Amino acid sequence: MNYQDIIDKYYPAGSPLRDIYMRHCRSVANLAIEIADRKALETDRNEIEEAAMLHDLGIFLTDAPGIECHGSEPYILHGVIGARLLRENGMPERDARVAERHTGAGIDKNEIIAQGLPLPPDGDFMPATQLERLICYADKFYSKSGDMKRKPMEKVLASMKRISHGSFERFLNLKEEFE
């Protein structure tokens, strides 16, 4: 099954959510590939595209009406949900891991506990591979709401500061790696 088959399965053609999903994921994929080319990363461009196009697969099951998501799960679980769906559909583990680990600049166990996040405290939500870090980084420049245009670095940095000090520090490390 290719990534478009998976998207088509969960995001019906002509729906507002599909339009949001496709625009966001395509923007993330394009930026990730642009960074990979500029930095001469050895990661396969097809793998980058596939992982970027699938990183938010689980959003449709979350409660985020502002972006046309009318499910019942908290939005922060979209990565875990997407990873489960990718595994159930036989997609590569690398794609599932990108989905699980792209939220924020990764989420560590201490943040799960301190913030009372509805994530399994024993889960691993920190981007480890170059592909995981790249998609996590590129994702921060595109929202799924508003004008959906690329955010300037200053806005991304301010957003990461609001999440947590740990997220901000991890994002600075990603910035150093990919800029």
N, C-alpha and C. Protein backbone atom coordinates (compact mmCIF):
# COMPACT_ATOMS: atom_id res chain seq x y z
N MET A 1 0.85 -1.17 0.00
CA MET A 1 0.00 0.00 0.00
C MET A 1 0.90 1.24 0.00
N ASN A 2 0.60 2.21 -0.86
CA ASN A 2 1.41 3.43 -0.85
C ASN A 2 0.76 4.49 0.05
N TYR A 3 1.50 5.56 0.29
CA TYR A 3 1.00 6.54 1.26
C TYR A 3 -0.31 7.18 0.82
N GLN A 4 -0.51 7.37 -0.48
CA GLN A 4 -1.75 8.00 -0.93
C GLN A 4 -2.95 7.08 -0.68
N ASP A 5 -2.76 5.77 -0.80
CA ASP A 5 -3.85 4.83 -0.48
C ASP A 5 -4.28 4.95 0.97
N ILE A 6 -3.32 5.12 1.87
CA ILE A 6 -3.62 5.26 3.29
C ILE A 6 -4.38 6.58 3.53
N ILE A 7 -3.90 7.65 2.94
CA ILE A 7 -4.58 8.94 3.08
C ILE A 7 -6.01 8.84 2.56
N ASP A 8 -6.18 8.25 1.37
CA ASP A 8 -7.51 8.12 0.77
C ASP A 8 -8.45 7.31 1.66
N LYS A 9 -7.91 6.34 2.37
CA LYS A 9 -8.72 5.48 3.24
C LYS A 9 -9.36 6.27 4.38
N TYR A 10 -8.63 7.24 4.92
CA TYR A 10 -9.10 7.96 6.11
C TYR A 10 -9.57 9.39 5.84
N TYR A 11 -9.20 9.94 4.70
CA TYR A 11 -9.54 11.32 4.37
C TYR A 11 -10.25 11.37 3.02
N PRO A 12 -11.59 11.33 3.04
CA PRO A 12 -12.36 11.26 1.79
C PRO A 12 -12.14 12.48 0.89
N ALA A 13 -12.07 12.21 -0.39
CA ALA A 13 -11.92 13.27 -1.38
C ALA A 13 -13.07 14.27 -1.23
N GLY A 14 -12.74 15.53 -1.38
CA GLY A 14 -13.76 16.57 -1.33
C GLY A 14 -14.12 17.07 0.06
N SER A 15 -13.54 16.47 1.10
CA SER A 15 -13.85 16.92 2.46
C SER A 15 -12.92 18.06 2.86
N PRO A 16 -13.42 19.01 3.66
CA PRO A 16 -12.56 20.11 4.11
C PRO A 16 -11.33 19.60 4.88
N LEU A 17 -11.49 18.54 5.68
CA LEU A 17 -10.35 18.01 6.43
C LEU A 17 -9.28 17.48 5.49
N ARG A 18 -9.68 16.81 4.43
CA ARG A 18 -8.68 16.30 3.48
C ARG A 18 -7.88 17.46 2.88
N ASP A 19 -8.58 18.53 2.53
CA ASP A 19 -7.89 19.68 1.95
C ASP A 19 -6.86 20.25 2.93
N ILE A 20 -7.25 20.38 4.20
CA ILE A 20 -6.33 20.87 5.24
C ILE A 20 -5.16 19.91 5.39
N TYR A 21 -5.49 18.63 5.49
CA TYR A 21 -4.46 17.60 5.69
C TYR A 21 -3.45 17.61 4.54
N MET A 22 -3.95 17.57 3.33
CA MET A 22 -3.06 17.49 2.16
C MET A 22 -2.19 18.75 2.04
N ARG A 23 -2.78 19.90 2.26
CA ARG A 23 -2.01 21.14 2.14
C ARG A 23 -0.90 21.18 3.19
N HIS A 24 -1.26 20.84 4.43
CA HIS A 24 -0.26 20.86 5.50
C HIS A 24 0.85 19.85 5.23
N CYS A 25 0.47 18.61 4.98
CA CYS A 25 1.49 17.56 4.81
C CYS A 25 2.36 17.79 3.58
N ARG A 26 1.76 18.30 2.50
CA ARG A 26 2.55 18.59 1.30
C ARG A 26 3.56 19.71 1.61
N SER A 27 3.15 20.72 2.36
CA SER A 27 4.07 21.81 2.73
C SER A 27 5.22 21.27 3.57
N VAL A 28 4.91 20.42 4.54
CA VAL A 28 5.95 19.82 5.39
C VAL A 28 6.89 18.96 4.54
N ALA A 29 6.33 18.16 3.65
CA ALA A 29 7.16 17.30 2.78
C ALA A 29 8.08 18.15 1.91
N ASN A 30 7.54 19.20 1.30
CA ASN A 30 8.36 20.04 0.43
C ASN A 30 9.50 20.70 1.20
N LEU A 31 9.20 21.20 2.40
CA LEU A 31 10.26 21.83 3.20
C LEU A 31 11.29 20.81 3.63
N ALA A 32 10.85 19.64 4.06
CA ALA A 32 11.79 18.60 4.50
C ALA A 32 12.72 18.19 3.35
N ILE A 33 12.18 18.05 2.17
CA ILE A 33 13.00 17.68 1.01
C ILE A 33 13.95 18.83 0.64
N GLU A 34 13.46 20.05 0.73
CA GLU A 34 14.31 21.22 0.46
C GLU A 34 15.49 21.25 1.43
N ILE A 35 15.23 21.00 2.71
CA ILE A 35 16.30 20.98 3.71
C ILE A 35 17.26 19.83 3.42
N ALA A 36 16.72 18.65 3.11
CA ALA A 36 17.56 17.49 2.81
C ALA A 36 18.48 17.76 1.63
N ASP A 37 17.96 18.43 0.61
CA ASP A 37 18.78 18.76 -0.55
C ASP A 37 19.84 19.80 -0.19
N ARG A 38 19.44 20.84 0.53
CA ARG A 38 20.37 21.92 0.90
C ARG A 38 21.49 21.40 1.80
N LYS A 39 21.15 20.51 2.72
CA LYS A 39 22.13 19.98 3.67
C LYS A 39 22.79 18.69 3.17
N ALA A 40 22.44 18.26 1.97
CA ALA A 40 22.98 17.02 1.37
C ALA A 40 22.83 15.83 2.32
N LEU A 41 21.63 15.71 2.91
CA LEU A 41 21.35 14.59 3.79
C LEU A 41 21.26 13.30 2.98
N GLU A 42 21.67 12.22 3.57
CA GLU A 42 21.66 10.94 2.86
C GLU A 42 20.31 10.24 2.93
N THR A 43 19.38 10.75 3.69
CA THR A 43 18.06 10.14 3.82
C THR A 43 17.37 10.13 2.46
N ASP A 44 16.77 9.01 2.10
CA ASP A 44 16.09 8.84 0.82
C ASP A 44 14.93 9.83 0.69
N ARG A 45 14.87 10.54 -0.43
CA ARG A 45 13.84 11.57 -0.63
C ARG A 45 12.43 10.96 -0.67
N ASN A 46 12.28 9.75 -1.19
CA ASN A 46 10.97 9.10 -1.20
C ASN A 46 10.52 8.76 0.22
N GLU A 47 11.45 8.36 1.06
CA GLU A 47 11.12 8.08 2.46
C GLU A 47 10.72 9.36 3.19
N ILE A 48 11.41 10.45 2.87
CA ILE A 48 11.06 11.74 3.47
C ILE A 48 9.65 12.12 3.07
N GLU A 49 9.34 12.03 1.79
CA GLU A 49 8.02 12.40 1.31
C GLU A 49 6.94 11.53 1.96
N GLU A 50 7.15 10.23 1.98
CA GLU A 50 6.16 9.32 2.57
C GLU A 50 5.92 9.63 4.05
N ALA A 51 6.99 9.77 4.81
CA ALA A 51 6.86 10.04 6.24
C ALA A 51 6.17 11.38 6.49
N ALA A 52 6.53 12.39 5.71
CA ALA A 52 5.91 13.71 5.87
C ALA A 52 4.43 13.67 5.51
N MET A 53 4.08 12.94 4.48
CA MET A 53 2.67 12.87 4.06
C MET A 53 1.82 12.08 5.04
N LEU A 54 2.45 11.27 5.89
CA LEU A 54 1.70 10.43 6.83
C LEU A 54 1.84 10.86 8.29
N HIS A 55 2.66 11.84 8.58
CA HIS A 55 2.98 12.16 9.98
C HIS A 55 1.77 12.57 10.81
N ASP A 56 0.75 13.12 10.20
CA ASP A 56 -0.44 13.58 10.93
C ASP A 56 -1.66 12.69 10.69
N LEU A 57 -1.46 11.47 10.27
CA LEU A 57 -2.57 10.60 9.88
C LEU A 57 -3.65 10.51 10.94
N GLY A 58 -3.31 10.56 12.21
CA GLY A 58 -4.28 10.35 13.28
C GLY A 58 -5.15 11.54 13.65
N ILE A 59 -4.99 12.69 13.01
CA ILE A 59 -5.74 13.87 13.44
C ILE A 59 -7.25 13.71 13.32
N PHE A 60 -7.72 12.93 12.36
CA PHE A 60 -9.17 12.84 12.13
C PHE A 60 -9.91 12.23 13.31
N LEU A 61 -9.23 11.51 14.17
CA LEU A 61 -9.87 10.90 15.33
C LEU A 61 -9.80 11.78 16.57
N THR A 62 -9.27 12.99 16.42
CA THR A 62 -9.13 13.90 17.56
C THR A 62 -10.21 14.97 17.55
N ASP A 63 -10.35 15.61 18.69
CA ASP A 63 -11.32 16.68 18.86
C ASP A 63 -10.62 18.01 18.65
N ALA A 64 -10.63 18.47 17.40
CA ALA A 64 -10.01 19.74 17.04
C ALA A 64 -10.88 20.38 15.96
N PRO A 65 -12.09 20.85 16.33
CA PRO A 65 -13.03 21.35 15.34
C PRO A 65 -12.52 22.53 14.52
N GLY A 66 -11.56 23.29 15.03
CA GLY A 66 -11.00 24.41 14.29
C GLY A 66 -10.28 23.98 13.02
N ILE A 67 -9.91 22.71 12.95
CA ILE A 67 -9.27 22.18 11.73
C ILE A 67 -10.09 21.01 11.18
N GLU A 68 -11.39 21.03 11.46
CA GLU A 68 -12.33 20.05 10.90
C GLU A 68 -12.14 18.63 11.43
N CYS A 69 -11.53 18.49 12.60
CA CYS A 69 -11.37 17.18 13.23
C CYS A 69 -12.47 17.03 14.29
N HIS A 70 -13.34 16.06 14.10
CA HIS A 70 -14.51 15.91 14.97
C HIS A 70 -14.53 14.55 15.67
N GLY A 71 -13.36 14.07 16.04
CA GLY A 71 -13.25 12.83 16.80
C GLY A 71 -13.39 13.12 18.29
N SER A 72 -13.04 12.14 19.09
CA SER A 72 -13.23 12.29 20.53
C SER A 72 -11.92 12.31 21.32
N GLU A 73 -10.82 12.02 20.69
CA GLU A 73 -9.54 11.93 21.40
C GLU A 73 -8.88 13.30 21.53
N PRO A 74 -8.09 13.51 22.59
CA PRO A 74 -7.33 14.77 22.70
C PRO A 74 -6.34 14.88 21.53
N TYR A 75 -6.17 16.10 21.02
CA TYR A 75 -5.32 16.31 19.85
C TYR A 75 -3.90 15.81 20.07
N ILE A 76 -3.39 15.93 21.28
CA ILE A 76 -2.01 15.52 21.54
C ILE A 76 -1.78 14.04 21.26
N LEU A 77 -2.85 13.26 21.18
CA LEU A 77 -2.73 11.82 20.89
C LEU A 77 -2.67 11.52 19.40
N HIS A 78 -2.74 12.53 18.54
CA HIS A 78 -2.80 12.24 17.10
C HIS A 78 -1.59 11.48 16.59
N GLY A 79 -0.43 11.70 17.18
CA GLY A 79 0.76 10.97 16.74
C GLY A 79 0.70 9.50 17.11
N VAL A 80 0.27 9.22 18.33
CA VAL A 80 0.13 7.84 18.80
C VAL A 80 -0.95 7.11 17.97
N ILE A 81 -2.05 7.80 17.72
CA ILE A 81 -3.14 7.22 16.92
C ILE A 81 -2.66 6.95 15.50
N GLY A 82 -2.00 7.93 14.92
CA GLY A 82 -1.49 7.76 13.56
C GLY A 82 -0.50 6.61 13.46
N ALA A 83 0.37 6.48 14.44
CA ALA A 83 1.35 5.38 14.44
C ALA A 83 0.62 4.04 14.48
N ARG A 84 -0.41 3.94 15.31
CA ARG A 84 -1.18 2.68 15.39
C ARG A 84 -1.82 2.37 14.03
N LEU A 85 -2.43 3.37 13.40
CA LEU A 85 -3.06 3.15 12.10
C LEU A 85 -2.04 2.74 11.04
N LEU A 86 -0.89 3.36 11.07
CA LEU A 86 0.16 3.02 10.09
C LEU A 86 0.62 1.58 10.29
N ARG A 87 0.80 1.18 11.53
CA ARG A 87 1.21 -0.21 11.79
C ARG A 87 0.11 -1.18 11.36
N GLU A 88 -1.13 -0.86 11.67
CA GLU A 88 -2.26 -1.73 11.30
C GLU A 88 -2.37 -1.89 9.78
N ASN A 89 -1.95 -0.86 9.04
CA ASN A 89 -2.03 -0.90 7.59
C ASN A 89 -0.75 -1.39 6.93
N GLY A 90 0.19 -1.88 7.73
CA GLY A 90 1.40 -2.48 7.19
C GLY A 90 2.42 -1.50 6.63
N MET A 91 2.34 -0.25 7.05
CA MET A 91 3.32 0.73 6.58
C MET A 91 4.63 0.53 7.34
N PRO A 92 5.73 1.04 6.79
CA PRO A 92 7.03 0.85 7.46
C PRO A 92 7.05 1.44 8.88
N GLU A 93 7.76 0.76 9.74
CA GLU A 93 7.90 1.22 11.12
C GLU A 93 8.47 2.63 11.18
N ARG A 94 9.34 2.99 10.24
CA ARG A 94 9.92 4.34 10.25
C ARG A 94 8.83 5.41 10.15
N ASP A 95 7.77 5.15 9.38
CA ASP A 95 6.67 6.11 9.26
C ASP A 95 5.89 6.20 10.56
N ALA A 96 5.66 5.05 11.20
CA ALA A 96 4.94 5.04 12.47
C ALA A 96 5.73 5.82 13.53
N ARG A 97 7.03 5.63 13.53
CA ARG A 97 7.87 6.32 14.52
C ARG A 97 7.89 7.83 14.27
N VAL A 98 7.89 8.26 13.02
CA VAL A 98 7.80 9.69 12.72
C VAL A 98 6.49 10.24 13.26
N ALA A 99 5.39 9.54 13.01
CA ALA A 99 4.08 10.00 13.51
C ALA A 99 4.09 10.12 15.03
N GLU A 100 4.64 9.13 15.71
CA GLU A 100 4.67 9.13 17.18
C GLU A 100 5.54 10.23 17.77
N ARG A 101 6.58 10.62 17.06
CA ARG A 101 7.63 11.44 17.66
C ARG A 101 7.72 12.87 17.13
N HIS A 102 6.78 13.30 16.29
CA HIS A 102 6.91 14.63 15.68
C HIS A 102 6.27 15.75 16.50
N THR A 103 5.46 15.42 17.49
CA THR A 103 4.72 16.44 18.23
C THR A 103 5.66 17.31 19.06
N GLY A 104 5.41 18.62 19.03
CA GLY A 104 6.32 19.55 19.70
C GLY A 104 7.69 19.41 19.06
N ALA A 105 8.69 19.33 19.88
CA ALA A 105 10.04 18.98 19.40
C ALA A 105 10.41 17.67 20.08
N GLY A 106 9.39 16.82 20.17
CA GLY A 106 9.47 15.61 20.96
C GLY A 106 8.89 15.91 22.34
N ILE A 107 8.44 14.88 23.01
CA ILE A 107 7.89 15.03 24.36
C ILE A 107 8.57 13.99 25.23
N ASP A 108 9.21 14.45 26.30
CA ASP A 108 9.88 13.49 27.16
C ASP A 108 8.98 13.08 28.34
N LYS A 109 9.40 12.04 29.01
CA LYS A 109 8.60 11.46 30.11
C LYS A 109 8.33 12.47 31.22
N ASN A 110 9.31 13.31 31.52
CA ASN A 110 9.12 14.32 32.56
C ASN A 110 8.02 15.30 32.19
N GLU A 111 7.96 15.69 30.91
CA GLU A 111 6.91 16.61 30.47
C GLU A 111 5.54 15.95 30.51
N ILE A 112 5.48 14.68 30.17
CA ILE A 112 4.20 13.95 30.23
C ILE A 112 3.66 13.99 31.65
N ILE A 113 4.52 13.73 32.60
CA ILE A 113 4.10 13.69 34.01
C ILE A 113 3.83 15.10 34.53
N ALA A 114 4.77 16.03 34.32
CA ALA A 114 4.65 17.39 34.86
C ALA A 114 3.43 18.13 34.31
N GLN A 115 3.14 17.90 33.02
CA GLN A 115 2.02 18.61 32.40
C GLN A 115 0.73 17.80 32.43
N GLY A 116 0.79 16.58 32.97
CA GLY A 116 -0.40 15.74 33.02
C GLY A 116 -0.94 15.40 31.64
N LEU A 117 -0.03 15.18 30.70
CA LEU A 117 -0.45 14.89 29.32
C LEU A 117 -1.04 13.49 29.23
N PRO A 118 -2.06 13.33 28.40
CA PRO A 118 -2.71 12.02 28.27
C PRO A 118 -1.94 11.06 27.36
N LEU A 119 -0.64 11.00 27.53
CA LEU A 119 0.22 10.10 26.77
C LEU A 119 0.75 9.03 27.71
N PRO A 120 1.01 7.84 27.19
CA PRO A 120 1.61 6.81 28.05
C PRO A 120 2.97 7.30 28.56
N PRO A 121 3.17 7.37 29.88
CA PRO A 121 4.44 7.89 30.41
C PRO A 121 5.63 7.01 30.07
N ASP A 122 5.37 5.77 29.68
CA ASP A 122 6.46 4.87 29.30
C ASP A 122 6.71 4.89 27.79
N GLY A 123 5.99 5.75 27.07
CA GLY A 123 6.18 5.83 25.62
C GLY A 123 7.44 6.58 25.26
N ASP A 124 7.88 6.41 24.02
CA ASP A 124 9.07 7.10 23.53
C ASP A 124 8.63 8.09 22.47
N PHE A 125 8.59 9.36 22.83
CA PHE A 125 8.07 10.39 21.94
C PHE A 125 9.14 11.42 21.57
N MET A 126 10.38 10.99 21.57
CA MET A 126 11.50 11.86 21.23
C MET A 126 12.04 11.45 19.86
N PRO A 127 12.11 12.39 18.91
CA PRO A 127 12.64 12.04 17.58
C PRO A 127 14.11 11.64 17.68
N ALA A 128 14.42 10.44 17.20
CA ALA A 128 15.76 9.90 17.34
C ALA A 128 16.52 9.85 16.02
N THR A 129 15.90 9.35 14.98
CA THR A 129 16.60 9.23 13.70
C THR A 129 16.61 10.56 12.96
N GLN A 130 17.47 10.66 11.98
CA GLN A 130 17.52 11.89 11.18
C GLN A 130 16.17 12.16 10.53
N LEU A 131 15.52 11.13 10.01
CA LEU A 131 14.21 11.30 9.38
C LEU A 131 13.19 11.82 10.40
N GLU A 132 13.16 11.25 11.58
CA GLU A 132 12.23 11.70 12.62
C GLU A 132 12.49 13.16 12.99
N ARG A 133 13.74 13.52 13.15
CA ARG A 133 14.08 14.90 13.51
C ARG A 133 13.73 15.86 12.38
N LEU A 134 14.00 15.46 11.15
CA LEU A 134 13.74 16.32 9.99
C LEU A 134 12.25 16.63 9.85
N ILE A 135 11.41 15.63 9.93
CA ILE A 135 9.96 15.86 9.80
C ILE A 135 9.45 16.66 10.99
N CYS A 136 9.93 16.35 12.17
CA CYS A 136 9.56 17.10 13.37
C CYS A 136 9.90 18.58 13.17
N TYR A 137 11.07 18.86 12.67
CA TYR A 137 11.52 20.24 12.46
C TYR A 137 10.67 20.94 11.39
N ALA A 138 10.53 20.34 10.23
CA ALA A 138 9.79 20.95 9.13
C ALA A 138 8.33 21.21 9.50
N ASP A 139 7.77 20.33 10.30
CA ASP A 139 6.36 20.44 10.72
C ASP A 139 6.08 21.73 11.48
N LYS A 140 7.06 22.23 12.21
CA LYS A 140 6.84 23.39 13.06
C LYS A 140 6.61 24.67 12.27
N PHE A 141 6.91 24.66 10.99
CA PHE A 141 6.78 25.86 10.17
C PHE A 141 5.41 26.00 9.51
N TYR A 142 4.55 25.00 9.69
CA TYR A 142 3.24 25.03 9.02
C TYR A 142 2.13 24.65 9.98
N SER A 143 1.16 25.52 10.08
CA SER A 143 -0.03 25.26 10.90
C SER A 143 -1.09 24.61 10.01
N LYS A 144 -2.06 24.00 10.65
CA LYS A 144 -3.21 23.45 9.91
C LYS A 144 -4.40 24.40 9.98
N SER A 145 -4.17 25.60 10.50
CA SER A 145 -5.24 26.59 10.57
C SER A 145 -4.70 27.93 10.06
N GLY A 146 -5.59 28.90 9.96
CA GLY A 146 -5.19 30.21 9.47
C GLY A 146 -4.83 30.18 8.01
N ASP A 147 -3.85 30.99 7.63
CA ASP A 147 -3.49 31.06 6.20
C ASP A 147 -2.61 29.89 5.75
N MET A 148 -2.11 29.12 6.69
CA MET A 148 -1.30 27.92 6.44
C MET A 148 0.00 28.22 5.68
N LYS A 149 0.40 29.48 5.65
CA LYS A 149 1.66 29.83 5.01
C LYS A 149 2.82 29.52 5.95
N ARG A 150 4.00 29.44 5.39
CA ARG A 150 5.19 29.15 6.20
C ARG A 150 5.39 30.24 7.24
N LYS A 151 5.60 29.80 8.48
CA LYS A 151 5.83 30.72 9.59
C LYS A 151 7.28 31.18 9.58
N PRO A 152 7.53 32.43 9.94
CA PRO A 152 8.92 32.87 10.08
C PRO A 152 9.53 32.23 11.33
N MET A 153 10.84 32.11 11.34
CA MET A 153 11.55 31.47 12.44
C MET A 153 11.17 32.10 13.79
N GLU A 154 11.03 33.42 13.85
CA GLU A 154 10.72 34.08 15.12
C GLU A 154 9.40 33.57 15.69
N LYS A 155 8.44 33.35 14.83
CA LYS A 155 7.13 32.87 15.28
C LYS A 155 7.23 31.41 15.76
N VAL A 156 8.01 30.61 15.08
CA VAL A 156 8.20 29.22 15.49
C VAL A 156 8.90 29.19 16.85
N LEU A 157 9.93 29.99 17.02
CA LEU A 157 10.65 30.02 18.29
C LEU A 157 9.72 30.45 19.44
N ALA A 158 8.90 31.45 19.21
CA ALA A 158 7.95 31.91 20.24
C ALA A 158 6.97 30.80 20.59
N SER A 159 6.51 30.09 19.59
CA SER A 159 5.57 28.98 19.81
C SER A 159 6.22 27.87 20.63
N MET A 160 7.45 27.54 20.33
CA MET A 160 8.15 26.48 21.05
C MET A 160 8.41 26.89 22.50
N LYS A 161 8.69 28.17 22.73
CA LYS A 161 8.89 28.67 24.10
C LYS A 161 7.63 28.50 24.93
N ARG A 162 6.46 28.71 24.29
CA ARG A 162 5.19 28.59 25.01
C ARG A 162 4.89 27.15 25.41
N ILE A 163 5.38 26.19 24.65
CA ILE A 163 5.12 24.77 24.96
C ILE A 163 5.84 24.39 26.25
N SER A 164 7.16 24.53 26.23
CA SER A 164 7.96 24.23 27.43
C SER A 164 9.41 24.60 27.16
N HIS A 165 10.15 24.76 28.23
CA HIS A 165 11.58 25.06 28.09
C HIS A 165 12.28 23.91 27.36
N GLY A 166 11.90 22.67 27.70
CA GLY A 166 12.50 21.51 27.05
C GLY A 166 12.24 21.49 25.55
N SER A 167 11.00 21.79 25.16
CA SER A 167 10.67 21.83 23.73
C SER A 167 11.48 22.91 23.02
N PHE A 168 11.59 24.05 23.65
CA PHE A 168 12.35 25.15 23.06
C PHE A 168 13.81 24.76 22.86
N GLU A 169 14.43 24.16 23.88
CA GLU A 169 15.83 23.74 23.78
C GLU A 169 16.00 22.67 22.70
N ARG A 170 15.08 21.71 22.65
CA ARG A 170 15.17 20.66 21.62
C ARG A 170 15.01 21.25 20.23
N PHE A 171 14.10 22.23 20.10
CA PHE A 171 13.94 22.86 18.79
C PHE A 171 15.21 23.60 18.37
N LEU A 172 15.87 24.27 19.31
CA LEU A 172 17.13 24.94 18.98
C LEU A 172 18.16 23.94 18.46
N ASN A 173 18.17 22.75 19.04
CA ASN A 173 19.08 21.70 18.55
C ASN A 173 18.72 21.28 17.13
N LEU A 174 17.42 21.17 16.85
CA LEU A 174 16.98 20.82 15.50
C LEU A 174 17.35 21.93 14.52
N LYS A 175 17.17 23.15 14.94
CA LYS A 175 17.52 24.31 14.10
C LYS A 175 19.01 24.25 13.77
N GLU A 176 19.83 23.98 14.77
CA GLU A 176 21.27 23.87 14.54
C GLU A 176 21.60 22.75 13.55
N GLU A 177 20.89 21.65 13.65
CA GLU A 177 21.14 20.52 12.75
C GLU A 177 20.72 20.81 11.32
N PHE A 178 19.60 21.51 11.14
CA PHE A 178 19.02 21.61 9.79
C PHE A 178 19.14 22.98 9.13
N GLU A 179 19.69 23.97 9.84
CA GLU A 179 19.86 25.29 9.21
C GLU A 179 21.33 25.59 8.95
